Each structure stands twice: as structure tokens, then as C-alpha cells.
């Protein structure tokens, strides 16, 4: 089940007829690089699916630094929680590069949930999965050294945005050290040091600014190390 959510969203396990109904009441919109999709505190009026491009989910720390919660690629869903419980947005979302988005209005989702119990069940299962993922990440942030935090993030990114190649799994998204720092709350210098260490122990390769996971099992073991 987790593989489904790492490469898609809550609607993926639904029967094709229900997926078609979701598409029928959705609209498409293209966002330019850096364009705000929604902001912290906004009224939640729709949920989203990334069709092309990449979306940054982030928050500002009390001292004004940006902390990246997630980088979402093709077919990933977001924004559904506020639509379900009518709560304001708890983070901000921005387009990274040109992003084509599928937008499902709140009113349409509520109607579909009322008419099809499978949709409500799929949303519940998906949100439960996402909650477990967030809690696991918080545990890693609070109690783990930076190398383990970085390994955990790279595992998640490789699963959702990786391409198998002869010597490993190549991460398709171009990730800067600054972005990796914002994903872990660390400085760019600290990330640079840890990336070099991961290369030394043959878990990772960096070539032309592309990251390749050479040993997925080893990286996963490091991410779980206590």
C-alpha cells in the first residue's frame, strides 16, 4: 500500500470509473516558477494533483527561515486535509519550475464523498498513511543525527522520484544542497559534509549535480539506525 502512495495519491487505488468521475469535475491550471499555489492560513477551497513539474510544501520558522516539508512530483496529491475538515492551510505551496496541476474543488469532493463511500475510505487511509509518515519524520528530526535524517529523506525521494539505472537508482529531481538543508533543518555546509560521507561509504554518487543511490538497502538501513 505504501508504494501506491509514494508514487501517487489517495485516488490511485480507486476503481477506474470513480477516478473518471474525479477527473470529470476537476480543472487544470498551470503555475509559473515560484508562483504561490496557496499560503499558510488561507481558506482551503480545493485539493491538488501534480500532473507535471514539482511543488514545494514549506513553512517559515519563527526566526524567518524556510523549512521545506516536502517536494512533490508527478501524480502526488496535496491540500486535501483542509478541504475535508474546513480548516485553514497549515503550510504554503509553491511551484518549482512550470507546474501543471489538476484542481479538485471542495464542493465537488464533498459531493463525491457523499455519493461514494469508497472515496471517503480512500481518503481516510491516505491521510492515516501521511500522518504516520509525518510522525516518523518528526521522530527522525528530533532524535537522530543529521546523516540519518538525510538518509531518510533521500530514501523517500528515491522511492517517489527515482529511475533505476545499471549502478543504482538515479534521483530525477535536481536537488541543491540548500534544498536538502531546508528539508532537514541543516546548513548547506553540513549537508555538503554528510553527502561526502555517504559517497565515501559507497551509498551515494554525485555526478553533474545528479544524485544516484548506489545501495538502496544500505541507505534504508542507515535511515533506521538507532
C-alpha atoms as a PDB file:
ATOM      1  CA  UNK A   1       0.000   0.000   0.000  1.00  0.00           C
ATOM      2  CA  UNK A   2       2.790   2.455   0.816  1.00  0.00           C
ATOM      3  CA  UNK A   3       4.253   2.002  -2.671  1.00  0.00           C
ATOM      4  CA  UNK A   4       0.944   3.240  -4.080  1.00  0.00           C
ATOM      5  CA  UNK A   5       1.077   6.451  -2.066  1.00  0.00           C
ATOM      6  CA  UNK A   6       4.762   7.065  -2.745  1.00  0.00           C
ATOM      7  CA  UNK A   7       4.078   7.110  -6.490  1.00  0.00           C
ATOM      8  CA  UNK A   8       0.619   8.631  -6.491  1.00  0.00           C
ATOM      9  CA  UNK A   9      -2.168   9.743  -4.228  1.00  0.00           C
ATOM     10  CA  UNK A  10      -5.366   8.810  -2.451  1.00  0.00           C
ATOM     11  CA  UNK A  11      -7.337   8.289  -5.677  1.00  0.00           C
ATOM     12  CA  UNK A  12      -4.958   5.739  -7.226  1.00  0.00           C
ATOM     13  CA  UNK A  13      -6.448   2.628  -5.525  1.00  0.00           C
ATOM     14  CA  UNK A  14      -9.994   3.574  -6.613  1.00  0.00           C
ATOM     15  CA  UNK A  15     -11.835   1.790  -9.444  1.00  0.00           C
ATOM     16  CA  UNK A  16     -11.295   3.424 -12.828  1.00  0.00           C
ATOM     17  CA  UNK A  17     -14.946   4.536 -13.019  1.00  0.00           C
ATOM     18  CA  UNK A  18     -14.559   6.575  -9.826  1.00  0.00           C
ATOM     19  CA  UNK A  19     -11.246   8.024 -10.975  1.00  0.00           C
ATOM     20  CA  UNK A  20     -13.013   9.143 -14.158  1.00  0.00           C
ATOM     21  CA  UNK A  21     -15.682  10.909 -12.062  1.00  0.00           C
ATOM     22  CA  UNK A  22     -12.956  12.747 -10.142  1.00  0.00           C
ATOM     23  CA  UNK A  23     -11.311  13.851 -13.387  1.00  0.00           C
ATOM     24  CA  UNK A  24     -14.663  14.993 -14.797  1.00  0.00           C
ATOM     25  CA  UNK A  25     -15.214  17.555 -12.016  1.00  0.00           C
ATOM     26  CA  UNK A  26     -11.571  18.712 -11.876  1.00  0.00           C
ATOM     27  CA  UNK A  27      -9.914  21.538 -13.778  1.00  0.00           C
ATOM     28  CA  UNK A  28      -6.346  22.093 -14.943  1.00  0.00           C
ATOM     29  CA  UNK A  29      -4.153  25.098 -14.251  1.00  0.00           C
ATOM     30  CA  UNK A  30      -0.520  25.902 -14.999  1.00  0.00           C
ATOM     31  CA  UNK A  31       1.625  27.700 -12.421  1.00  0.00           C
ATOM     32  CA  UNK A  32       4.827  29.574 -13.267  1.00  0.00           C
ATOM     33  CA  UNK A  33       8.123  29.007 -11.487  1.00  0.00           C
ATOM     34  CA  UNK A  34       7.954  30.380  -7.947  1.00  0.00           C
ATOM     35  CA  UNK A  35       4.224  31.085  -8.133  1.00  0.00           C
ATOM     36  CA  UNK A  36       2.290  30.725  -4.892  1.00  0.00           C
ATOM     37  CA  UNK A  37      -0.366  27.984  -5.020  1.00  0.00           C
ATOM     38  CA  UNK A  38      -1.674  28.699  -1.537  1.00  0.00           C
ATOM     39  CA  UNK A  39      -0.343  30.323   1.611  1.00  0.00           C
ATOM     40  CA  UNK A  40      -0.322  29.478   5.319  1.00  0.00           C
ATOM     41  CA  UNK A  41      -3.685  30.475   6.832  1.00  0.00           C
ATOM     42  CA  UNK A  42      -5.575  30.551   3.526  1.00  0.00           C
ATOM     43  CA  UNK A  43      -9.070  29.113   3.279  1.00  0.00           C
ATOM     44  CA  UNK A  44      -8.847  25.606   1.792  1.00  0.00           C
ATOM     45  CA  UNK A  45     -11.094  25.576  -1.272  1.00  0.00           C
ATOM     46  CA  UNK A  46      -9.541  22.764  -3.342  1.00  0.00           C
ATOM     47  CA  UNK A  47      -7.187  19.790  -3.348  1.00  0.00           C
ATOM     48  CA  UNK A  48      -4.473  19.267  -5.947  1.00  0.00           C
ATOM     49  CA  UNK A  49      -2.673  16.677  -8.047  1.00  0.00           C
ATOM     50  CA  UNK A  50       0.705  17.434  -9.635  1.00  0.00           C
ATOM     51  CA  UNK A  51       0.442  16.421 -13.302  1.00  0.00           C
ATOM     52  CA  UNK A  52       3.777  17.864 -14.466  1.00  0.00           C
ATOM     53  CA  UNK A  53       6.576  19.603 -12.593  1.00  0.00           C
ATOM     54  CA  UNK A  54       7.357  19.825  -8.898  1.00  0.00           C
ATOM     55  CA  UNK A  55       5.741  21.543  -5.908  1.00  0.00           C
ATOM     56  CA  UNK A  56       7.417  22.745  -2.728  1.00  0.00           C
ATOM     57  CA  UNK A  57       5.487  22.470   0.550  1.00  0.00           C
ATOM     58  CA  UNK A  58       7.094  24.672   3.188  1.00  0.00           C
ATOM     59  CA  UNK A  59       6.778  26.729   6.353  1.00  0.00           C
ATOM     60  CA  UNK A  60       8.692  29.610   7.873  1.00  0.00           C
ATOM     61  CA  UNK A  61      10.379  29.092  11.220  1.00  0.00           C
ATOM     62  CA  UNK A  62       9.846  31.719  13.965  1.00  0.00           C
ATOM     63  CA  UNK A  63      13.169  33.350  13.005  1.00  0.00           C
ATOM     64  CA  UNK A  64      12.111  33.643   9.371  1.00  0.00           C
ATOM     65  CA  UNK A  65      13.993  30.684   7.856  1.00  0.00           C
ATOM     66  CA  UNK A  66      12.264  28.488   5.324  1.00  0.00           C
ATOM     67  CA  UNK A  67      11.787  24.808   6.219  1.00  0.00           C
ATOM     68  CA  UNK A  68      10.792  22.517   3.353  1.00  0.00           C
ATOM     69  CA  UNK A  69       8.275  19.909   4.449  1.00  0.00           C
ATOM     70  CA  UNK A  70       8.150  18.088   1.140  1.00  0.00           C
ATOM     71  CA  UNK A  71       8.932  18.190  -2.580  1.00  0.00           C
ATOM     72  CA  UNK A  72       6.067  16.668  -4.557  1.00  0.00           C
ATOM     73  CA  UNK A  73       6.467  15.341  -8.071  1.00  0.00           C
ATOM     74  CA  UNK A  74       4.181  13.976 -10.783  1.00  0.00           C
ATOM     75  CA  UNK A  75       0.886  12.409  -9.635  1.00  0.00           C
ATOM     76  CA  UNK A  76       1.342  13.338  -5.977  1.00  0.00           C
ATOM     77  CA  UNK A  77      -1.688  14.771  -4.165  1.00  0.00           C
ATOM     78  CA  UNK A  78      -1.790  17.522  -1.579  1.00  0.00           C
ATOM     79  CA  UNK A  79      -4.138  20.020   0.047  1.00  0.00           C
ATOM     80  CA  UNK A  80      -6.907  17.538   0.832  1.00  0.00           C
ATOM     81  CA  UNK A  81      -6.828  17.824   4.633  1.00  0.00           C
ATOM     82  CA  UNK A  82      -8.115  21.399   4.814  1.00  0.00           C
ATOM     83  CA  UNK A  83     -10.798  20.528   2.263  1.00  0.00           C
ATOM     84  CA  UNK A  84     -12.066  17.650   4.402  1.00  0.00           C
ATOM     85  CA  UNK A  85     -12.228  19.413   7.785  1.00  0.00           C
ATOM     86  CA  UNK A  86     -12.677  23.038   6.586  1.00  0.00           C
ATOM     87  CA  UNK A  87      -9.504  24.105   8.397  1.00  0.00           C
ATOM     88  CA  UNK A  88      -7.125  26.811   7.117  1.00  0.00           C
ATOM     89  CA  UNK A  89      -3.910  25.873   5.363  1.00  0.00           C
ATOM     90  CA  UNK A  90      -1.155  24.848   7.775  1.00  0.00           C
ATOM     91  CA  UNK A  91       1.682  25.431   5.291  1.00  0.00           C
ATOM     92  CA  UNK A  92       2.430  27.114   1.967  1.00  0.00           C
ATOM     93  CA  UNK A  93       2.817  25.595  -1.504  1.00  0.00           C
ATOM     94  CA  UNK A  94       4.903  26.982  -4.376  1.00  0.00           C
ATOM     95  CA  UNK A  95       5.608  25.852  -7.941  1.00  0.00           C
ATOM     96  CA  UNK A  96       9.196  24.834  -8.670  1.00  0.00           C
ATOM     97  CA  UNK A  97       9.561  25.399 -12.375  1.00  0.00           C
ATOM     98  CA  UNK A  98       6.468  25.302 -14.574  1.00  0.00           C
ATOM     99  CA  UNK A  99       3.828  23.112 -12.917  1.00  0.00           C
ATOM    100  CA  UNK A 100       0.645  21.726 -14.460  1.00  0.00           C
ATOM    101  CA  UNK A 101      -1.911  20.988 -11.775  1.00  0.00           C
ATOM    102  CA  UNK A 102      -5.211  19.145 -11.539  1.00  0.00           C
ATOM    103  CA  UNK A 103      -7.535  21.007  -9.166  1.00  0.00           C
ATOM    104  CA  UNK A 104     -10.471  19.315  -7.413  1.00  0.00           C
ATOM    105  CA  UNK A 105     -12.844  21.882  -5.826  1.00  0.00           C
ATOM    106  CA  UNK A 106     -14.009  21.336  -2.259  1.00  0.00           C
ATOM    107  CA  UNK A 107     -17.685  21.277  -3.231  1.00  0.00           C
ATOM    108  CA  UNK A 108     -17.090  18.546  -5.820  1.00  0.00           C
ATOM    109  CA  UNK A 109     -15.047  16.418  -3.447  1.00  0.00           C
ATOM    110  CA  UNK A 110     -17.700  16.680  -0.734  1.00  0.00           C
ATOM    111  CA  UNK A 111     -20.399  15.599  -3.172  1.00  0.00           C
ATOM    112  CA  UNK A 112     -18.348  12.648  -4.378  1.00  0.00           C
ATOM    113  CA  UNK A 113     -17.591  11.577  -0.799  1.00  0.00           C
ATOM    114  CA  UNK A 114     -21.317  11.634  -0.003  1.00  0.00           C
ATOM    115  CA  UNK A 115     -22.248   9.580  -3.057  1.00  0.00           C
ATOM    116  CA  UNK A 116     -19.365   7.078  -2.971  1.00  0.00           C
ATOM    117  CA  UNK A 117     -18.205   5.616   0.335  1.00  0.00           C
ATOM    118  CA  UNK A 118     -15.106   4.224  -1.409  1.00  0.00           C
ATOM    119  CA  UNK A 119     -13.791   7.771  -1.799  1.00  0.00           C
ATOM    120  CA  UNK A 120     -14.203   8.549   1.898  1.00  0.00           C
ATOM    121  CA  UNK A 121     -12.436   5.297   2.779  1.00  0.00           C
ATOM    122  CA  UNK A 122      -9.594   6.014   0.342  1.00  0.00           C
ATOM    123  CA  UNK A 123      -9.097   9.496   1.802  1.00  0.00           C
ATOM    124  CA  UNK A 124      -9.111   8.156   5.364  1.00  0.00           C
ATOM    125  CA  UNK A 125      -6.500   5.515   4.521  1.00  0.00           C
ATOM    126  CA  UNK A 126      -4.331   8.034   2.692  1.00  0.00           C
ATOM    127  CA  UNK A 127      -4.422  10.609   5.492  1.00  0.00           C
ATOM    128  CA  UNK A 128      -3.588   7.904   8.028  1.00  0.00           C
ATOM    129  CA  UNK A 129      -0.581   6.910   5.891  1.00  0.00           C
ATOM    130  CA  UNK A 130       0.520  10.537   5.630  1.00  0.00           C
ATOM    131  CA  UNK A 131       0.178  11.030   9.406  1.00  0.00           C
ATOM    132  CA  UNK A 132       2.388   8.001  10.078  1.00  0.00           C
ATOM    133  CA  UNK A 133       4.949   9.349   7.599  1.00  0.00           C
ATOM    134  CA  UNK A 134       4.993  12.768   9.274  1.00  0.00           C
ATOM    135  CA  UNK A 135       5.315  11.285  12.767  1.00  0.00           C
ATOM    136  CA  UNK A 136       8.160   9.069  11.607  1.00  0.00           C
ATOM    137  CA  UNK A 137       9.911  12.084  10.085  1.00  0.00           C
ATOM    138  CA  UNK A 138       9.439  14.134  13.254  1.00  0.00           C
ATOM    139  CA  UNK A 139      10.952  11.326  15.286  1.00  0.00           C
ATOM    140  CA  UNK A 140      13.935  11.276  12.953  1.00  0.00           C
ATOM    141  CA  UNK A 141      14.353  15.064  13.168  1.00  0.00           C
ATOM    142  CA  UNK A 142      14.139  15.160  16.946  1.00  0.00           C
ATOM    143  CA  UNK A 143      16.276  12.203  17.926  1.00  0.00           C
ATOM    144  CA  UNK A 144      18.563  11.288  15.017  1.00  0.00           C
ATOM    145  CA  UNK A 145      21.916  12.627  13.805  1.00  0.00           C
ATOM    146  CA  UNK A 146      21.968  14.602  10.566  1.00  0.00           C
ATOM    147  CA  UNK A 147      23.363  11.736   8.487  1.00  0.00           C
ATOM    148  CA  UNK A 148      20.413   9.552   9.434  1.00  0.00           C
ATOM    149  CA  UNK A 149      17.946  12.384   8.733  1.00  0.00           C
ATOM    150  CA  UNK A 150      19.498  12.959   5.309  1.00  0.00           C
ATOM    151  CA  UNK A 151      19.458   9.240   4.519  1.00  0.00           C
ATOM    152  CA  UNK A 152      15.745   9.040   5.422  1.00  0.00           C
ATOM    153  CA  UNK A 153      14.925  11.975   3.151  1.00  0.00           C
ATOM    154  CA  UNK A 154      16.936  10.555   0.259  1.00  0.00           C
ATOM    155  CA  UNK A 155      15.182   7.189   0.616  1.00  0.00           C
ATOM    156  CA  UNK A 156      11.764   8.859   0.327  1.00  0.00           C
ATOM    157  CA  UNK A 157      12.843  10.964  -2.653  1.00  0.00           C
ATOM    158  CA  UNK A 158      14.430   7.997  -4.434  1.00  0.00           C
ATOM    159  CA  UNK A 159      11.275   5.910  -3.978  1.00  0.00           C
ATOM    160  CA  UNK A 160       8.997   8.588  -5.418  1.00  0.00           C
ATOM    161  CA  UNK A 161      11.331  10.200  -7.953  1.00  0.00           C
ATOM    162  CA  UNK A 162      13.960   7.594  -8.744  1.00  0.00           C
ATOM    163  CA  UNK A 163      14.834   5.930 -12.035  1.00  0.00           C
ATOM    164  CA  UNK A 164      16.568   2.517 -11.999  1.00  0.00           C
ATOM    165  CA  UNK A 165      19.896   2.604 -13.860  1.00  0.00           C
ATOM    166  CA  UNK A 166      22.618  -0.078 -14.105  1.00  0.00           C
ATOM    167  CA  UNK A 167      24.519   1.070 -10.999  1.00  0.00           C
ATOM    168  CA  UNK A 168      21.619   2.134  -8.775  1.00  0.00           C
ATOM    169  CA  UNK A 169      18.644   4.487  -8.581  1.00  0.00           C
ATOM    170  CA  UNK A 170      19.096   7.937 -10.094  1.00  0.00           C
ATOM    171  CA  UNK A 171      17.053  10.692  -8.451  1.00  0.00           C
ATOM    172  CA  UNK A 172      15.410  12.594 -11.294  1.00  0.00           C
ATOM    173  CA  UNK A 173      14.744  15.811  -9.387  1.00  0.00           C
ATOM    174  CA  UNK A 174      17.655  18.239  -9.257  1.00  0.00           C
ATOM    175  CA  UNK A 175      18.217  18.845  -5.558  1.00  0.00           C
ATOM    176  CA  UNK A 176      20.570  21.566  -4.381  1.00  0.00           C
ATOM    177  CA  UNK A 177      22.419  21.323  -1.088  1.00  0.00           C
ATOM    178  CA  UNK A 178      20.396  24.317   0.061  1.00  0.00           C
ATOM    179  CA  UNK A 179      17.129  22.441  -0.614  1.00  0.00           C
ATOM    180  CA  UNK A 180      18.391  19.363   1.210  1.00  0.00           C
ATOM    181  CA  UNK A 181      19.319  21.631   4.095  1.00  0.00           C
ATOM    182  CA  UNK A 182      15.816  23.038   4.228  1.00  0.00           C
ATOM    183  CA  UNK A 183      14.412  19.511   4.190  1.00  0.00           C
ATOM    184  CA  UNK A 184      16.435  18.620   7.272  1.00  0.00           C
ATOM    185  CA  UNK A 185      16.819  21.974   9.023  1.00  0.00           C
ATOM    186  CA  UNK A 186      20.598  21.918   8.494  1.00  0.00           C
ATOM    187  CA  UNK A 187      23.068  24.306   6.883  1.00  0.00           C
ATOM    188  CA  UNK A 188      24.316  23.836   3.324  1.00  0.00           C
ATOM    189  CA  UNK A 189      27.835  23.267   4.691  1.00  0.00           C
ATOM    190  CA  UNK A 190      26.611  20.471   6.968  1.00  0.00           C
ATOM    191  CA  UNK A 191      24.727  18.825   4.095  1.00  0.00           C
ATOM    192  CA  UNK A 192      27.831  19.010   1.903  1.00  0.00           C
ATOM    193  CA  UNK A 193      29.846  17.232   4.607  1.00  0.00           C
ATOM    194  CA  UNK A 194      27.257  14.455   5.018  1.00  0.00           C
ATOM    195  CA  UNK A 195      26.895  13.927   1.261  1.00  0.00           C
ATOM    196  CA  UNK A 196      30.648  13.411   1.038  1.00  0.00           C
ATOM    197  CA  UNK A 197      30.459  10.860   3.858  1.00  0.00           C
ATOM    198  CA  UNK A 198      27.672   8.978   2.067  1.00  0.00           C
ATOM    199  CA  UNK A 199      29.843   8.896  -1.041  1.00  0.00           C
ATOM    200  CA  UNK A 200      32.821   7.582   0.955  1.00  0.00           C
ATOM    201  CA  UNK A 201      30.829   4.601   2.198  1.00  0.00           C
ATOM    202  CA  UNK A 202      29.507   3.951  -1.337  1.00  0.00           C
ATOM    203  CA  UNK A 203      25.846   4.622  -0.614  1.00  0.00           C
ATOM    204  CA  UNK A 204      25.596   7.628  -2.918  1.00  0.00           C
ATOM    205  CA  UNK A 205      27.148   9.033  -6.069  1.00  0.00           C
ATOM    206  CA  UNK A 206      27.034  12.668  -7.163  1.00  0.00           C
ATOM    207  CA  UNK A 207      27.724  13.331 -10.832  1.00  0.00           C
ATOM    208  CA  UNK A 208      26.822  16.513 -12.724  1.00  0.00           C
ATOM    209  CA  UNK A 209      24.651  17.594  -9.767  1.00  0.00           C
ATOM    210  CA  UNK A 210      22.597  14.401 -10.034  1.00  0.00           C
ATOM    211  CA  UNK A 211      22.284  12.065  -7.080  1.00  0.00           C
ATOM    212  CA  UNK A 212      22.372   8.312  -7.570  1.00  0.00           C
ATOM    213  CA  UNK A 213      21.614   5.917  -4.741  1.00  0.00           C
ATOM    214  CA  UNK A 214      24.142   3.098  -5.189  1.00  0.00           C
ATOM    215  CA  UNK A 215      22.932   0.937  -2.324  1.00  0.00           C
ATOM    216  CA  UNK A 216      19.248   1.415  -1.513  1.00  0.00           C
ATOM    217  CA  UNK A 217      19.223  -1.289   1.155  1.00  0.00           C
ATOM    218  CA  UNK A 218      22.244   0.262   2.826  1.00  0.00           C
ATOM    219  CA  UNK A 219      20.716   3.745   2.734  1.00  0.00           C
ATOM    220  CA  UNK A 220      17.465   2.426   4.207  1.00  0.00           C
ATOM    221  CA  UNK A 221      19.399   0.654   6.973  1.00  0.00           C
ATOM    222  CA  UNK A 222      21.245   3.887   7.774  1.00  0.00           C
ATOM    223  CA  UNK A 223      17.972   5.829   7.885  1.00  0.00           C
ATOM    224  CA  UNK A 224      16.654   3.412  10.525  1.00  0.00           C
ATOM    225  CA  UNK A 225      19.850   3.170  12.535  1.00  0.00           C
ATOM    226  CA  UNK A 226      19.453   3.984  16.224  1.00  0.00           C
END
